Protein backbone atom coordinates (compact mmCIF):
# COMPACT_ATOMS: atom_id res chain seq x y z
CA UNK A 1 73.91 135.71 97.42
CA UNK A 2 74.92 137.95 94.54
CA UNK A 3 73.54 141.45 94.19
CA UNK A 4 70.62 141.67 91.77
CA UNK A 5 72.54 143.97 89.45
CA UNK A 6 74.97 141.18 88.48
CA UNK A 7 74.55 139.91 84.94
CA UNK A 8 72.88 136.61 84.16
CA UNK A 9 76.24 135.29 83.02
CA UNK A 10 77.92 136.27 86.32
CA UNK A 11 75.12 134.60 88.29
CA UNK A 12 75.41 131.48 86.14
CA UNK A 13 79.20 131.25 86.56
CA UNK A 14 78.92 131.85 90.28
CA UNK A 15 76.20 129.25 90.78
CA UNK A 16 77.24 126.56 88.32
CA UNK A 17 81.03 126.93 88.10
CA UNK A 18 82.60 128.80 91.02
CA UNK A 19 80.53 127.39 93.89
CA UNK A 20 80.86 123.74 92.77
CA UNK A 21 84.59 124.22 92.19
CA UNK A 22 85.06 125.72 95.63
CA UNK A 23 83.02 122.93 97.21
CA UNK A 24 85.05 120.29 95.36
CA UNK A 25 88.28 121.90 96.57
CA UNK A 26 87.06 121.97 100.16
CA UNK A 27 85.99 118.32 99.93
CA UNK A 28 89.36 117.35 98.47
CA UNK A 29 91.22 119.20 101.23
CA UNK A 30 89.13 117.39 103.84
CA UNK A 31 89.74 114.03 102.16
CA UNK A 32 93.48 114.66 101.92
CA UNK A 33 93.53 115.43 105.65
CA UNK A 34 92.21 111.97 106.49
CA UNK A 35 94.36 109.18 108.02
CA UNK A 36 94.16 107.35 104.68
CA UNK A 37 96.28 110.04 103.00
CA UNK A 38 98.39 111.11 105.97
CA UNK A 39 99.22 107.69 107.34
CA UNK A 40 98.13 104.74 105.19
CA UNK A 41 99.31 105.95 101.76
CA UNK A 42 102.78 107.03 103.01
CA UNK A 43 103.14 103.81 105.04
CA UNK A 44 102.29 101.78 101.94
CA UNK A 45 104.66 103.73 99.73
CA UNK A 46 107.50 103.45 102.26
CA UNK A 47 107.10 99.66 102.33
CA UNK A 48 107.02 99.35 98.53
CA UNK A 49 109.76 101.83 97.67
CA UNK A 50 112.50 101.37 100.22
CA UNK A 51 115.35 102.08 97.81
CA UNK A 52 116.02 103.62 94.41
CA UNK A 53 116.19 100.11 92.95
CA UNK A 54 112.64 99.46 94.24
CA UNK A 55 111.51 102.71 92.63
CA UNK A 56 113.25 101.79 89.39
CA UNK A 57 111.50 98.39 89.41
CA UNK A 58 108.10 100.05 89.88
CA UNK A 59 108.90 102.46 87.02
CA UNK A 60 110.18 99.71 84.73
CA UNK A 61 107.11 97.55 85.40
CA UNK A 62 104.91 100.57 84.75
CA UNK A 63 106.51 101.40 81.37
CA UNK A 64 106.71 97.78 80.26
CA UNK A 65 102.97 97.43 80.89
CA UNK A 66 102.12 100.82 79.40
CA UNK A 67 104.03 100.26 76.17
CA UNK A 68 102.82 96.66 75.85
CA UNK A 69 99.17 97.61 76.38
CA UNK A 70 99.43 100.86 74.39
CA UNK A 71 102.00 100.50 71.58
CA UNK A 72 100.63 103.75 70.14
CA UNK A 73 102.67 105.50 72.88
CA UNK A 74 105.99 104.11 71.61
CA UNK A 75 106.63 107.14 69.40
CA UNK A 76 106.54 109.45 72.44
CA UNK A 77 109.46 107.54 73.96
CA UNK A 78 111.61 106.86 70.88
CA UNK A 79 114.32 109.30 72.03
CA UNK A 80 113.95 108.68 75.76
CA UNK A 81 116.18 106.92 78.24
CA UNK A 82 113.49 104.58 79.58
CA UNK A 83 115.62 103.51 82.56
CA UNK A 84 116.01 107.13 83.68
CA UNK A 85 112.36 107.82 82.91
CA UNK A 86 111.26 104.78 84.93
CA UNK A 87 113.15 106.01 87.98
CA UNK A 88 111.88 109.56 87.42
CA UNK A 89 108.27 108.34 87.25
CA UNK A 90 108.56 106.48 90.56
CA UNK A 91 110.32 109.45 92.13
CA UNK A 92 107.48 111.71 90.96
CA UNK A 93 105.06 109.42 92.77
CA UNK A 94 107.36 109.57 95.77
CA UNK A 95 107.19 113.37 95.74
CA UNK A 96 103.39 113.28 95.31
CA UNK A 97 102.95 110.96 98.30
CA UNK A 98 105.21 113.12 100.45
CA UNK A 99 103.55 116.35 99.31
CA UNK A 100 99.93 115.37 99.92
CA UNK A 101 99.46 118.38 102.19
CA UNK A 102 100.57 120.69 99.35
CA UNK A 103 98.02 119.49 96.80
CA UNK A 104 95.63 122.30 95.99
CA UNK A 105 98.00 125.06 97.18
CA UNK A 106 98.82 127.22 94.19
CA UNK A 107 102.31 128.45 95.13
CA UNK A 108 103.55 125.28 96.88
CA UNK A 109 106.90 123.76 95.77
CA UNK A 110 104.97 120.67 94.66
CA UNK A 111 102.99 122.85 92.26
CA UNK A 112 106.21 124.13 90.71
CA UNK A 113 107.35 120.53 90.14
CA UNK A 114 103.99 119.79 88.49
CA UNK A 115 104.34 122.86 86.28
CA UNK A 116 107.74 121.57 85.12
CA UNK A 117 106.28 118.12 84.49
CA UNK A 118 103.46 119.68 82.47
CA UNK A 119 105.92 121.68 80.40
CA UNK A 120 107.89 118.51 79.62
CA UNK A 121 104.69 116.77 78.49
CA UNK A 122 103.70 119.73 76.31
CA UNK A 123 107.17 119.89 74.69
CA UNK A 124 106.90 116.19 73.84
CA UNK A 125 103.36 116.83 72.52
CA UNK A 126 101.93 114.11 74.76
CA UNK A 127 98.15 114.44 74.45
CA UNK A 128 96.16 114.82 77.64
CA UNK A 129 93.74 112.21 76.31
CA UNK A 130 96.44 109.63 77.15
CA UNK A 131 96.42 110.54 80.87
CA UNK A 132 93.54 108.19 81.84
CA UNK A 133 95.30 105.23 80.21
CA UNK A 134 98.52 106.11 82.01
CA UNK A 135 96.65 106.39 85.32
CA UNK A 136 95.02 103.01 84.78
CA UNK A 137 98.46 101.50 84.12
CA UNK A 138 99.79 103.06 87.29
CA UNK A 139 97.02 101.43 89.34
CA UNK A 140 97.58 98.14 87.51
CA UNK A 141 101.30 98.31 88.36
CA UNK A 142 100.61 98.96 92.05
CA UNK A 143 97.78 96.40 92.36
CA UNK A 144 99.83 93.43 93.67
CA UNK A 145 101.43 95.67 96.30
CA UNK A 146 98.04 97.09 97.30
CA UNK A 147 96.75 93.61 98.07
CA UNK A 148 99.90 92.84 100.08
CA UNK A 149 99.35 96.01 102.10
CA UNK A 150 95.77 95.00 102.84
CA UNK A 151 97.01 91.67 104.12
CA UNK A 152 99.82 93.25 106.16
CA UNK A 153 97.53 95.77 107.85
CA UNK A 154 94.39 93.71 108.49
CA UNK A 155 95.24 93.36 112.21
CA UNK A 156 96.93 96.76 112.45
CA UNK A 157 95.69 99.82 114.34
CA UNK A 158 95.18 101.45 110.92
CA UNK A 159 94.03 98.73 108.54
CA UNK A 160 93.57 99.67 104.91
CA UNK A 161 92.02 97.82 102.00
CA UNK A 162 93.42 97.51 98.51
CA UNK A 163 90.31 99.33 97.28
CA UNK A 164 90.93 102.29 99.61
CA UNK A 165 94.53 102.55 98.42
CA UNK A 166 93.42 102.20 94.80
CA UNK A 167 91.01 105.10 95.26
CA UNK A 168 93.66 107.16 97.06
CA UNK A 169 96.19 106.71 94.25
CA UNK A 170 93.50 107.44 91.67
CA UNK A 171 92.76 110.73 93.46
CA UNK A 172 96.46 111.58 93.73
CA UNK A 173 97.01 110.82 90.05
CA UNK A 174 93.94 112.83 89.02
CA UNK A 175 95.09 115.82 91.04
CA UNK A 176 98.62 115.52 89.64
CA UNK A 177 97.30 115.44 86.07
CA UNK A 178 94.96 118.35 86.76
CA UNK A 179 98.00 120.41 87.74
CA UNK A 180 100.02 119.59 84.66
């Protein structure tokens, strides 16, 4: 409860901005502490991306789909080494999966990597309005593997559905984009 002498604006910001933001952060931290994020997502990622060539294949599939579905993005990549970028994209996901416990911590090393990624996007003038389309392509790229994981884990001690993994990667992507 704020003191009565606070301005109407301060009370509004506290009630309608700060408190909901704090609650959302606490909910996210609780969600990210669940077995889905600490066990199922890393297990899935470790099965899919065993080697750098697996990561490169994920990245290549991602960019092929992205640039086929959204040719308006071609100009952003005209001077890029797509092979290197494909591997870098998958490695960024690798870092995100391994740094789940650091999401939401301001001075974490993962945050510094996100700041660098954001700076690269700003230098290339990549509009943030493209982020949802990129996220959708990421999920589309992972979809066949998500269904395989559901099948592989149905009799496991920690079964996971493709839908749960889809939601988990959507949350991870959203948090990553919020940081950049």
